Amino acid sequence: MMFWLMAALITAAVCLVVVAPFKRSPRLSTGLLVVIPVAAMGLYLSLGNPDLPDQPLASRDQSALQQHNQALAAADMLARELAEDPQNLEGWALLGQTWSLLGRHGDAAQAFGRAAAIAPERPALVIAQVEAMIAVEEGLVTVEASRIIDQLNRDHPDLPGSQFYRGLQLWQAGDMPA
């Protein structure tokens, strides 16, 4: 019933828009007011089917969900392997990237933090950790992220990522001149 009511309202609106320019010609406007709804109804009855049920969710394409679940399983397996080999730098970096792609930014920040602790000479890992920490807070620089950004700026003042996050930190603190 609701479908037919909405269809009638939409048809009436279309009729008014189409007929408005022809209001000086009563025969033409009356004819259009009759022909448009009848044509719309005929077209719908020949092409449409309001009684057709929705496609059940279970039969819809589930490939994206399957890929997401496979990636989660792979990340969980990697995390278990890293528990046995905690000095695996590339493993922690890969786990951080995987968690970031899956939207688990808190886990990604921890993984990148572990990788950065193993290889402090690689500031890209610290920047990735800061990015994940900020993503957890939906764009806000926390006190902990500020501490890491400050250290990153002391150690690598010319690094573009370091400068960017320092600027974000200062902007959020209201220090526009800096």
N, C-alpha and C. Protein backbone atom coordinates (compact mmCIF):
# COMPACT_ATOMS: atom_id res chain seq x y z
N MET A 1 0.83 -1.20 0.00
CA MET A 1 0.00 0.00 0.00
C MET A 1 0.87 1.26 0.00
N MET A 2 1.93 1.23 0.81
CA MET A 2 2.81 2.40 0.89
C MET A 2 3.48 2.65 -0.46
N PHE A 3 3.84 1.57 -1.14
CA PHE A 3 4.47 1.72 -2.45
C PHE A 3 3.55 2.48 -3.40
N TRP A 4 2.27 2.09 -3.44
CA TRP A 4 1.34 2.71 -4.37
C TRP A 4 1.09 4.17 -4.01
N LEU A 5 1.05 4.48 -2.73
CA LEU A 5 0.88 5.86 -2.30
C LEU A 5 2.06 6.72 -2.74
N MET A 6 3.27 6.21 -2.55
CA MET A 6 4.47 6.95 -2.98
C MET A 6 4.50 7.09 -4.49
N ALA A 7 4.12 6.04 -5.21
CA ALA A 7 4.09 6.11 -6.67
C ALA A 7 3.10 7.17 -7.15
N ALA A 8 1.94 7.24 -6.49
CA ALA A 8 0.93 8.24 -6.86
C ALA A 8 1.44 9.65 -6.59
N LEU A 9 2.10 9.85 -5.47
CA LEU A 9 2.64 11.18 -5.15
C LEU A 9 3.72 11.61 -6.13
N ILE A 10 4.61 10.70 -6.47
CA ILE A 10 5.67 11.01 -7.42
C ILE A 10 5.08 11.30 -8.79
N THR A 11 4.09 10.52 -9.21
CA THR A 11 3.45 10.75 -10.50
C THR A 11 2.75 12.10 -10.52
N ALA A 12 2.07 12.46 -9.43
CA ALA A 12 1.39 13.76 -9.37
C ALA A 12 2.41 14.89 -9.46
N ALA A 13 3.53 14.75 -8.79
CA ALA A 13 4.56 15.80 -8.85
C ALA A 13 5.11 15.94 -10.26
N VAL A 14 5.36 14.82 -10.92
CA VAL A 14 5.86 14.87 -12.30
C VAL A 14 4.83 15.52 -13.21
N CYS A 15 3.57 15.15 -13.02
CA CYS A 15 2.51 15.75 -13.84
C CYS A 15 2.46 17.26 -13.68
N LEU A 16 2.55 17.73 -12.46
CA LEU A 16 2.50 19.17 -12.22
C LEU A 16 3.67 19.88 -12.88
N VAL A 17 4.84 19.28 -12.83
CA VAL A 17 6.02 19.89 -13.44
C VAL A 17 5.90 19.90 -14.96
N VAL A 18 5.40 18.82 -15.52
CA VAL A 18 5.28 18.72 -16.98
C VAL A 18 4.14 19.58 -17.50
N VAL A 19 3.04 19.62 -16.78
CA VAL A 19 1.84 20.31 -17.26
C VAL A 19 1.92 21.82 -17.03
N ALA A 20 2.67 22.28 -16.06
CA ALA A 20 2.73 23.70 -15.71
C ALA A 20 2.98 24.61 -16.92
N PRO A 21 3.90 24.29 -17.82
CA PRO A 21 4.11 25.19 -18.96
C PRO A 21 2.91 25.24 -19.94
N PHE A 22 2.02 24.26 -19.85
CA PHE A 22 0.90 24.19 -20.79
C PHE A 22 -0.42 24.64 -20.17
N LYS A 23 -0.41 25.42 -19.11
CA LYS A 23 -1.65 25.80 -18.44
C LYS A 23 -2.51 26.74 -19.29
N ARG A 24 -1.96 27.35 -20.30
CA ARG A 24 -2.76 28.20 -21.19
C ARG A 24 -3.51 27.36 -22.22
N SER A 25 -3.14 26.10 -22.35
CA SER A 25 -3.83 25.20 -23.27
C SER A 25 -4.51 24.11 -22.45
N PRO A 26 -5.79 24.30 -22.07
CA PRO A 26 -6.47 23.37 -21.18
C PRO A 26 -6.59 21.96 -21.74
N ARG A 27 -6.81 21.82 -23.03
CA ARG A 27 -6.95 20.48 -23.61
C ARG A 27 -5.63 19.72 -23.50
N LEU A 28 -4.54 20.37 -23.83
CA LEU A 28 -3.23 19.71 -23.78
C LEU A 28 -2.86 19.36 -22.33
N SER A 29 -3.04 20.28 -21.40
CA SER A 29 -2.69 20.01 -20.02
C SER A 29 -3.57 18.92 -19.42
N THR A 30 -4.87 18.90 -19.75
CA THR A 30 -5.76 17.85 -19.26
C THR A 30 -5.35 16.51 -19.86
N GLY A 31 -5.03 16.52 -21.13
CA GLY A 31 -4.59 15.29 -21.78
C GLY A 31 -3.32 14.75 -21.16
N LEU A 32 -2.37 15.63 -20.87
CA LEU A 32 -1.12 15.19 -20.23
C LEU A 32 -1.38 14.67 -18.82
N LEU A 33 -2.31 15.30 -18.10
CA LEU A 33 -2.63 14.85 -16.75
C LEU A 33 -3.22 13.44 -16.76
N VAL A 34 -3.86 13.07 -17.84
CA VAL A 34 -4.43 11.73 -17.95
C VAL A 34 -3.40 10.76 -18.52
N VAL A 35 -2.68 11.18 -19.55
CA VAL A 35 -1.77 10.28 -20.26
C VAL A 35 -0.56 9.90 -19.41
N ILE A 36 0.04 10.84 -18.68
CA ILE A 36 1.25 10.55 -17.91
C ILE A 36 1.02 9.47 -16.86
N PRO A 37 0.00 9.60 -16.00
CA PRO A 37 -0.21 8.53 -15.00
C PRO A 37 -0.57 7.19 -15.63
N VAL A 38 -1.37 7.22 -16.68
CA VAL A 38 -1.76 5.97 -17.33
C VAL A 38 -0.53 5.32 -17.98
N ALA A 39 0.30 6.12 -18.62
CA ALA A 39 1.51 5.58 -19.24
C ALA A 39 2.47 5.04 -18.18
N ALA A 40 2.62 5.77 -17.06
CA ALA A 40 3.49 5.32 -15.98
C ALA A 40 2.99 4.00 -15.40
N MET A 41 1.68 3.90 -15.18
CA MET A 41 1.11 2.67 -14.63
C MET A 41 1.29 1.52 -15.61
N GLY A 42 1.04 1.75 -16.87
CA GLY A 42 1.20 0.70 -17.88
C GLY A 42 2.65 0.23 -17.98
N LEU A 43 3.55 1.18 -17.97
CA LEU A 43 4.96 0.84 -18.03
C LEU A 43 5.38 0.02 -16.82
N TYR A 44 4.93 0.45 -15.64
CA TYR A 44 5.30 -0.28 -14.43
C TYR A 44 4.69 -1.68 -14.42
N LEU A 45 3.41 -1.80 -14.82
CA LEU A 45 2.77 -3.12 -14.81
C LEU A 45 3.41 -4.07 -15.81
N SER A 46 3.95 -3.52 -16.91
CA SER A 46 4.57 -4.40 -17.88
C SER A 46 6.02 -4.74 -17.52
N LEU A 47 6.73 -3.84 -16.85
CA LEU A 47 8.14 -4.07 -16.53
C LEU A 47 8.41 -4.38 -15.06
N GLY A 48 7.62 -3.81 -14.17
CA GLY A 48 7.88 -3.95 -12.74
C GLY A 48 7.13 -5.08 -12.11
N ASN A 49 7.46 -5.37 -10.86
CA ASN A 49 6.78 -6.40 -10.12
C ASN A 49 6.87 -6.07 -8.63
N PRO A 50 5.83 -5.44 -8.05
CA PRO A 50 5.91 -5.06 -6.64
C PRO A 50 5.84 -6.26 -5.71
N ASP A 51 5.38 -7.41 -6.20
CA ASP A 51 5.28 -8.59 -5.35
C ASP A 51 6.56 -9.41 -5.32
N LEU A 52 7.55 -9.01 -6.09
CA LEU A 52 8.81 -9.74 -6.13
C LEU A 52 9.53 -9.54 -4.80
N PRO A 53 9.91 -10.62 -4.11
CA PRO A 53 10.58 -10.46 -2.81
C PRO A 53 12.02 -10.00 -2.99
N ASP A 54 12.55 -9.43 -1.91
CA ASP A 54 13.96 -9.06 -1.90
C ASP A 54 14.83 -10.29 -2.04
N GLN A 55 16.05 -10.06 -2.51
CA GLN A 55 17.01 -11.16 -2.58
C GLN A 55 17.51 -11.40 -1.15
N PRO A 56 17.43 -12.62 -0.66
CA PRO A 56 17.87 -12.89 0.72
C PRO A 56 19.34 -12.56 0.90
N LEU A 57 19.68 -12.09 2.09
CA LEU A 57 21.05 -11.70 2.40
C LEU A 57 22.02 -12.87 2.23
N ALA A 58 21.56 -14.06 2.58
CA ALA A 58 22.44 -15.22 2.52
C ALA A 58 22.89 -15.54 1.10
N SER A 59 22.07 -15.20 0.11
CA SER A 59 22.44 -15.54 -1.26
C SER A 59 23.16 -14.40 -1.98
N ARG A 60 23.35 -13.28 -1.32
CA ARG A 60 24.06 -12.16 -1.93
C ARG A 60 25.55 -12.45 -1.96
N ASP A 61 26.27 -11.65 -2.73
CA ASP A 61 27.71 -11.84 -2.87
C ASP A 61 28.40 -11.61 -1.52
N GLN A 62 29.04 -12.62 -1.03
CA GLN A 62 29.70 -12.56 0.27
C GLN A 62 31.23 -12.55 0.14
N SER A 63 31.74 -12.30 -1.05
CA SER A 63 33.19 -12.41 -1.27
C SER A 63 33.97 -11.39 -0.44
N ALA A 64 33.47 -10.17 -0.31
CA ALA A 64 34.20 -9.16 0.47
C ALA A 64 34.27 -9.57 1.94
N LEU A 65 33.17 -10.11 2.46
CA LEU A 65 33.17 -10.57 3.85
C LEU A 65 34.11 -11.75 4.03
N GLN A 66 34.15 -12.64 3.05
CA GLN A 66 35.06 -13.78 3.13
C GLN A 66 36.52 -13.32 3.11
N GLN A 67 36.83 -12.34 2.25
CA GLN A 67 38.19 -11.83 2.18
C GLN A 67 38.58 -11.16 3.50
N HIS A 68 37.66 -10.41 4.08
CA HIS A 68 37.92 -9.76 5.36
C HIS A 68 38.19 -10.81 6.45
N ASN A 69 37.36 -11.85 6.48
CA ASN A 69 37.55 -12.90 7.48
C ASN A 69 38.86 -13.66 7.27
N GLN A 70 39.25 -13.86 6.02
CA GLN A 70 40.52 -14.52 5.74
C GLN A 70 41.69 -13.65 6.19
N ALA A 71 41.59 -12.35 5.96
CA ALA A 71 42.66 -11.44 6.39
C ALA A 71 42.75 -11.41 7.91
N LEU A 72 41.60 -11.43 8.59
CA LEU A 72 41.61 -11.48 10.06
C LEU A 72 42.28 -12.75 10.56
N ALA A 73 41.94 -13.87 9.92
CA ALA A 73 42.53 -15.15 10.33
C ALA A 73 44.04 -15.14 10.11
N ALA A 74 44.48 -14.59 8.98
CA ALA A 74 45.91 -14.52 8.69
C ALA A 74 46.62 -13.62 9.70
N ALA A 75 45.99 -12.49 10.05
CA ALA A 75 46.60 -11.58 11.02
C ALA A 75 46.67 -12.24 12.40
N ASP A 76 45.63 -12.95 12.77
CA ASP A 76 45.66 -13.65 14.06
C ASP A 76 46.76 -14.71 14.09
N MET A 77 46.93 -15.42 12.97
CA MET A 77 47.97 -16.43 12.89
C MET A 77 49.35 -15.78 12.99
N LEU A 78 49.54 -14.64 12.31
CA LEU A 78 50.81 -13.93 12.38
C LEU A 78 51.08 -13.45 13.80
N ALA A 79 50.03 -12.96 14.48
CA ALA A 79 50.20 -12.50 15.86
C ALA A 79 50.64 -13.65 16.77
N ARG A 80 50.08 -14.84 16.55
CA ARG A 80 50.49 -16.01 17.35
C ARG A 80 51.94 -16.37 17.06
N GLU A 81 52.36 -16.29 15.81
CA GLU A 81 53.75 -16.59 15.45
C GLU A 81 54.71 -15.57 16.07
N LEU A 82 54.27 -14.30 16.11
CA LEU A 82 55.12 -13.25 16.67
C LEU A 82 55.24 -13.39 18.19
N ALA A 83 54.27 -14.02 18.82
CA ALA A 83 54.38 -14.27 20.26
C ALA A 83 55.55 -15.21 20.53
N GLU A 84 55.84 -16.10 19.58
CA GLU A 84 56.95 -17.03 19.72
C GLU A 84 58.27 -16.44 19.22
N ASP A 85 58.19 -15.42 18.35
CA ASP A 85 59.39 -14.79 17.80
C ASP A 85 59.23 -13.26 17.93
N PRO A 86 59.33 -12.72 19.15
CA PRO A 86 59.03 -11.32 19.37
C PRO A 86 60.03 -10.33 18.77
N GLN A 87 61.17 -10.79 18.26
CA GLN A 87 62.15 -9.89 17.67
C GLN A 87 62.04 -9.82 16.15
N ASN A 88 60.98 -10.35 15.57
CA ASN A 88 60.77 -10.37 14.13
C ASN A 88 60.26 -9.01 13.66
N LEU A 89 61.17 -8.16 13.26
CA LEU A 89 60.85 -6.80 12.87
C LEU A 89 59.85 -6.75 11.71
N GLU A 90 60.14 -7.48 10.65
CA GLU A 90 59.26 -7.45 9.47
C GLU A 90 57.88 -8.01 9.80
N GLY A 91 57.83 -8.98 10.67
CA GLY A 91 56.55 -9.55 11.08
C GLY A 91 55.69 -8.53 11.81
N TRP A 92 56.30 -7.77 12.74
CA TRP A 92 55.54 -6.74 13.46
C TRP A 92 55.08 -5.63 12.52
N ALA A 93 55.95 -5.24 11.60
CA ALA A 93 55.56 -4.20 10.64
C ALA A 93 54.41 -4.68 9.76
N LEU A 94 54.50 -5.92 9.30
CA LEU A 94 53.42 -6.48 8.48
C LEU A 94 52.13 -6.59 9.27
N LEU A 95 52.23 -7.01 10.51
CA LEU A 95 51.03 -7.11 11.34
C LEU A 95 50.41 -5.73 11.56
N GLY A 96 51.24 -4.72 11.77
CA GLY A 96 50.71 -3.36 11.93
C GLY A 96 49.99 -2.88 10.69
N GLN A 97 50.58 -3.14 9.53
CA GLN A 97 49.93 -2.75 8.27
C GLN A 97 48.61 -3.49 8.08
N THR A 98 48.61 -4.78 8.41
CA THR A 98 47.40 -5.58 8.25
C THR A 98 46.30 -5.08 9.18
N TRP A 99 46.64 -4.85 10.44
CA TRP A 99 45.63 -4.34 11.37
C TRP A 99 45.11 -2.98 10.93
N SER A 100 45.98 -2.13 10.40
CA SER A 100 45.52 -0.82 9.92
C SER A 100 44.53 -0.98 8.78
N LEU A 101 44.85 -1.85 7.83
CA LEU A 101 43.95 -2.07 6.70
C LEU A 101 42.61 -2.66 7.14
N LEU A 102 42.63 -3.43 8.20
CA LEU A 102 41.39 -4.04 8.70
C LEU A 102 40.64 -3.12 9.66
N GLY A 103 41.19 -1.93 9.91
CA GLY A 103 40.51 -0.97 10.77
C GLY A 103 40.73 -1.20 12.26
N ARG A 104 41.63 -2.06 12.62
CA ARG A 104 41.93 -2.31 14.04
C ARG A 104 43.16 -1.48 14.42
N HIS A 105 42.94 -0.18 14.54
CA HIS A 105 44.03 0.76 14.70
C HIS A 105 44.74 0.64 16.05
N GLY A 106 44.03 0.27 17.09
CA GLY A 106 44.67 0.08 18.38
C GLY A 106 45.69 -1.05 18.33
N ASP A 107 45.29 -2.15 17.70
CA ASP A 107 46.22 -3.28 17.53
C ASP A 107 47.38 -2.88 16.62
N ALA A 108 47.06 -2.09 15.58
CA ALA A 108 48.12 -1.65 14.66
C ALA A 108 49.13 -0.78 15.39
N ALA A 109 48.66 0.11 16.25
CA ALA A 109 49.58 0.98 17.00
C ALA A 109 50.52 0.15 17.88
N GLN A 110 49.97 -0.89 18.51
CA GLN A 110 50.81 -1.75 19.34
C GLN A 110 51.84 -2.49 18.50
N ALA A 111 51.42 -3.01 17.34
CA ALA A 111 52.34 -3.75 16.48
C ALA A 111 53.44 -2.83 15.96
N PHE A 112 53.07 -1.64 15.51
CA PHE A 112 54.08 -0.70 15.03
C PHE A 112 55.00 -0.26 16.17
N GLY A 113 54.45 -0.12 17.37
CA GLY A 113 55.28 0.22 18.52
C GLY A 113 56.31 -0.85 18.82
N ARG A 114 55.90 -2.12 18.70
CA ARG A 114 56.86 -3.23 18.90
C ARG A 114 57.94 -3.19 17.83
N ALA A 115 57.53 -2.94 16.58
CA ALA A 115 58.51 -2.88 15.48
C ALA A 115 59.47 -1.71 15.70
N ALA A 116 58.95 -0.56 16.12
CA ALA A 116 59.80 0.62 16.35
C ALA A 116 60.76 0.39 17.51
N ALA A 117 60.35 -0.40 18.50
CA ALA A 117 61.24 -0.71 19.62
C ALA A 117 62.39 -1.60 19.16
N ILE A 118 62.11 -2.47 18.20
CA ILE A 118 63.16 -3.37 17.68
C ILE A 118 64.14 -2.59 16.80
N ALA A 119 63.60 -1.65 16.00
CA ALA A 119 64.45 -0.89 15.06
C ALA A 119 64.23 0.60 15.24
N PRO A 120 64.79 1.20 16.29
CA PRO A 120 64.58 2.63 16.53
C PRO A 120 65.18 3.52 15.45
N GLU A 121 66.05 2.95 14.61
CA GLU A 121 66.66 3.74 13.52
C GLU A 121 65.71 3.90 12.34
N ARG A 122 64.51 3.31 12.39
CA ARG A 122 63.53 3.40 11.29
C ARG A 122 62.35 4.26 11.73
N PRO A 123 62.45 5.58 11.52
CA PRO A 123 61.39 6.47 11.99
C PRO A 123 60.05 6.25 11.29
N ALA A 124 60.04 5.61 10.13
CA ALA A 124 58.76 5.35 9.45
C ALA A 124 57.86 4.47 10.30
N LEU A 125 58.45 3.60 11.10
CA LEU A 125 57.66 2.75 11.98
C LEU A 125 57.02 3.56 13.10
N VAL A 126 57.75 4.56 13.59
CA VAL A 126 57.21 5.43 14.64
C VAL A 126 56.08 6.28 14.06
N ILE A 127 56.26 6.76 12.84
CA ILE A 127 55.21 7.55 12.20
C ILE A 127 53.96 6.68 11.99
N ALA A 128 54.15 5.45 11.57
CA ALA A 128 53.00 4.54 11.40
C ALA A 128 52.31 4.31 12.74
N GLN A 129 53.08 4.20 13.81
CA GLN A 129 52.49 4.03 15.14
C GLN A 129 51.65 5.25 15.51
N VAL A 130 52.19 6.43 15.27
CA VAL A 130 51.47 7.67 15.58
C VAL A 130 50.19 7.76 14.75
N GLU A 131 50.29 7.43 13.47
CA GLU A 131 49.09 7.46 12.61
C GLU A 131 48.00 6.55 13.16
N ALA A 132 48.39 5.35 13.57
CA ALA A 132 47.41 4.41 14.12
C ALA A 132 46.82 4.92 15.42
N MET A 133 47.66 5.52 16.26
CA MET A 133 47.17 6.07 17.52
C MET A 133 46.17 7.19 17.28
N ILE A 134 46.45 8.03 16.31
CA ILE A 134 45.54 9.13 15.97
C ILE A 134 44.26 8.58 15.36
N ALA A 135 44.37 7.52 14.56
CA ALA A 135 43.18 6.92 13.97
C ALA A 135 42.26 6.32 15.03
N VAL A 136 42.84 5.77 16.09
CA VAL A 136 42.04 5.22 17.18
C VAL A 136 41.17 6.32 17.78
N GLU A 137 41.73 7.51 17.90
CA GLU A 137 41.02 8.63 18.51
C GLU A 137 40.28 9.49 17.48
N GLU A 138 40.11 8.94 16.28
CA GLU A 138 39.37 9.61 15.20
C GLU A 138 39.93 10.99 14.87
N GLY A 139 41.25 11.06 14.79
CA GLY A 139 41.92 12.28 14.35
C GLY A 139 42.49 13.15 15.45
N LEU A 140 42.26 12.80 16.69
CA LEU A 140 42.78 13.60 17.79
C LEU A 140 44.15 13.09 18.24
N VAL A 141 45.04 14.03 18.51
CA VAL A 141 46.37 13.70 19.01
C VAL A 141 46.28 13.61 20.53
N THR A 142 46.51 12.42 21.06
CA THR A 142 46.43 12.20 22.50
C THR A 142 47.73 12.62 23.18
N VAL A 143 47.73 12.57 24.49
CA VAL A 143 48.93 12.90 25.26
C VAL A 143 50.05 11.93 24.92
N GLU A 144 49.73 10.63 24.84
CA GLU A 144 50.75 9.63 24.51
C GLU A 144 51.29 9.85 23.10
N ALA A 145 50.39 10.14 22.14
CA ALA A 145 50.84 10.42 20.77
C ALA A 145 51.69 11.69 20.74
N SER A 146 51.34 12.68 21.53
CA SER A 146 52.13 13.92 21.60
C SER A 146 53.53 13.64 22.10
N ARG A 147 53.63 12.77 23.10
CA ARG A 147 54.94 12.42 23.65
C ARG A 147 55.81 11.77 22.57
N ILE A 148 55.20 10.87 21.79
CA ILE A 148 55.95 10.19 20.73
C ILE A 148 56.31 11.17 19.62
N ILE A 149 55.41 12.08 19.28
CA ILE A 149 55.68 13.08 18.24
C ILE A 149 56.82 14.00 18.67
N ASP A 150 56.80 14.41 19.93
CA ASP A 150 57.88 15.27 20.43
C ASP A 150 59.23 14.57 20.33
N GLN A 151 59.27 13.30 20.73
CA GLN A 151 60.53 12.54 20.64
C GLN A 151 60.95 12.38 19.19
N LEU A 152 60.00 12.11 18.32
CA LEU A 152 60.29 11.95 16.89
C LEU A 152 60.86 13.25 16.32
N ASN A 153 60.32 14.38 16.73
CA ASN A 153 60.83 15.66 16.25
C ASN A 153 62.21 15.98 16.78
N ARG A 154 62.51 15.54 18.00
CA ARG A 154 63.86 15.74 18.53
C ARG A 154 64.86 14.88 17.76
N ASP A 155 64.48 13.64 17.46
CA ASP A 155 65.39 12.71 16.80
C ASP A 155 65.50 12.94 15.29
N HIS A 156 64.38 13.35 14.65
CA HIS A 156 64.34 13.49 13.18
C HIS A 156 63.57 14.77 12.81
N PRO A 157 64.17 15.95 13.08
CA PRO A 157 63.44 17.21 12.85
C PRO A 157 63.15 17.51 11.38
N ASP A 158 63.89 16.92 10.46
CA ASP A 158 63.69 17.22 9.04
C ASP A 158 62.78 16.22 8.34
N LEU A 159 62.30 15.23 9.03
CA LEU A 159 61.45 14.21 8.44
C LEU A 159 60.06 14.78 8.18
N PRO A 160 59.56 14.71 6.92
CA PRO A 160 58.24 15.31 6.60
C PRO A 160 57.10 14.77 7.48
N GLY A 161 57.06 13.48 7.73
CA GLY A 161 56.01 12.93 8.57
C GLY A 161 56.07 13.47 9.99
N SER A 162 57.27 13.63 10.47
CA SER A 162 57.49 14.19 11.80
C SER A 162 56.97 15.62 11.87
N GLN A 163 57.29 16.40 10.84
CA GLN A 163 56.83 17.79 10.79
C GLN A 163 55.32 17.88 10.67
N PHE A 164 54.73 16.98 9.86
CA PHE A 164 53.28 17.00 9.68
C PHE A 164 52.56 16.76 11.00
N TYR A 165 52.95 15.70 11.70
CA TYR A 165 52.27 15.37 12.95
C TYR A 165 52.56 16.39 14.05
N ARG A 166 53.72 17.01 13.99
CA ARG A 166 53.99 18.11 14.93
C ARG A 166 53.06 19.27 14.64
N GLY A 167 52.86 19.56 13.35
CA GLY A 167 51.93 20.63 12.97
C GLY A 167 50.50 20.30 13.40
N LEU A 168 50.08 19.07 13.22
CA LEU A 168 48.75 18.66 13.65
C LEU A 168 48.61 18.80 15.16
N GLN A 169 49.64 18.38 15.86
CA GLN A 169 49.64 18.48 17.32
C GLN A 169 49.49 19.94 17.75
N LEU A 170 50.28 20.84 17.15
CA LEU A 170 50.23 22.26 17.51
C LEU A 170 48.88 22.87 17.12
N TRP A 171 48.36 22.49 15.96
CA TRP A 171 47.08 23.03 15.50
C TRP A 171 45.96 22.64 16.46
N GLN A 172 45.95 21.37 16.88
CA GLN A 172 44.91 20.93 17.80
C GLN A 172 45.06 21.56 19.18
N ALA A 173 46.28 21.94 19.52
CA ALA A 173 46.51 22.62 20.79
C ALA A 173 46.18 24.11 20.71
N GLY A 174 45.85 24.59 19.51
CA GLY A 174 45.48 26.00 19.32
C GLY A 174 46.66 26.91 19.08
N ASP A 175 47.82 26.37 18.83
CA ASP A 175 49.02 27.18 18.61
C ASP A 175 49.20 27.40 17.10
N MET A 176 48.38 28.26 16.52
CA MET A 176 48.39 28.50 15.08
C MET A 176 49.69 29.16 14.60
N PRO A 177 50.26 30.12 15.30
CA PRO A 177 51.50 30.73 14.82
C PRO A 177 52.64 29.71 14.68
N ALA A 178 52.74 28.78 15.61
CA ALA A 178 53.81 27.79 15.54
C ALA A 178 53.61 26.88 14.35
